[in-house]
Amino acid sequence: MAHISSELLGILRCPVTGSTLQQDGDELVATAPDAAGNTPRYSLAEGIPVMLRPADAATATAQESPTA
């Protein structure tokens, strides 16, 4: 599990809510819910926060998937 420093967490903000983030295992979690009441979560890829909005993350994942 990658550890994000408290200095970096102090700078990063959720791109959806603008709230601060907390680390929960291999994810960063927004400290405030979005307009729908969901709490945005962001993965860590090799220790690097992937700060894409949920719709953008789904698009990026679909583009990375191999096609048959």
Protein backbone atom coordinates (compact mmCIF):
# COMPACT_ATOMS: atom_id res chain seq x y z
CA MET A 1 0.00 0.00 0.00
CA ALA A 2 1.33 3.41 -1.00
CA HIS A 3 1.39 6.11 1.66
CA ILE A 4 0.52 9.66 0.63
CA SER A 5 2.29 12.26 2.76
CA SER A 6 0.25 14.62 4.93
CA GLU A 7 1.82 17.53 3.02
CA LEU A 8 0.43 16.25 -0.30
CA LEU A 9 -2.96 15.46 1.24
CA GLY A 10 -3.03 19.05 2.51
CA ILE A 11 -2.74 20.31 -1.07
CA LEU A 12 -4.94 17.87 -2.98
CA ARG A 13 -8.67 18.53 -3.35
CA CYS A 14 -11.46 16.39 -4.72
CA PRO A 15 -12.17 17.50 -8.32
CA VAL A 16 -15.90 16.88 -7.78
CA THR A 17 -16.61 18.41 -4.37
CA GLY A 18 -13.55 20.58 -3.75
CA SER A 19 -13.20 18.96 -0.32
CA THR A 20 -10.04 17.64 1.26
CA LEU A 21 -9.11 13.98 0.86
CA GLN A 22 -8.23 11.22 3.30
CA GLN A 23 -6.32 8.06 2.49
CA ASP A 24 -8.19 4.78 2.94
CA GLY A 25 -5.88 1.94 1.92
CA ASP A 26 -5.11 2.29 -1.79
CA GLU A 27 -7.71 5.01 -2.33
CA LEU A 28 -8.21 8.66 -1.54
CA VAL A 29 -11.68 9.49 -0.24
CA ALA A 30 -13.38 12.89 -0.35
CA THR A 31 -14.40 14.29 3.03
CA ALA A 32 -17.67 15.65 1.62
CA PRO A 33 -20.36 13.96 -0.49
CA ASP A 34 -21.18 15.01 -4.05
CA ALA A 35 -24.57 16.47 -5.09
CA ALA A 36 -26.06 12.95 -5.28
CA GLY A 37 -24.89 12.11 -1.76
CA ASN A 38 -22.10 9.77 -2.88
CA THR A 39 -18.58 10.01 -1.50
CA PRO A 40 -16.07 10.20 -4.37
CA ARG A 41 -13.12 7.78 -4.18
CA TYR A 42 -9.90 7.92 -6.21
CA SER A 43 -7.43 5.11 -6.76
CA LEU A 44 -3.68 5.20 -6.35
CA ALA A 45 -1.69 3.82 -9.28
CA GLU A 46 1.81 2.92 -8.10
CA GLY A 47 1.51 5.56 -5.39
CA ILE A 48 0.24 8.27 -7.74
CA PRO A 49 -3.27 9.64 -7.13
CA VAL A 50 -5.56 9.20 -10.15
CA MET A 51 -7.71 12.30 -9.75
CA LEU A 52 -10.23 11.79 -12.55
CA ARG A 53 -13.91 12.55 -12.15
CA PRO A 54 -15.89 9.28 -12.06
CA ALA A 55 -17.15 9.64 -15.68
CA ASP A 56 -13.61 10.42 -16.89
CA ALA A 57 -12.22 7.44 -14.97
CA ALA A 58 -14.75 5.11 -16.62
CA THR A 59 -13.76 6.42 -20.05
CA ALA A 60 -10.05 5.99 -19.31
CA THR A 61 -10.60 2.44 -18.06
CA ALA A 62 -12.61 1.55 -21.18
CA GLN A 63 -9.84 2.93 -23.42
CA GLU A 64 -7.20 0.85 -21.60
CA SER A 65 -9.13 -2.40 -21.97
CA PRO A 66 -7.79 -4.66 -24.73
CA THR A 67 -10.15 -5.33 -27.61
CA ALA A 68 -10.60 -8.73 -29.15
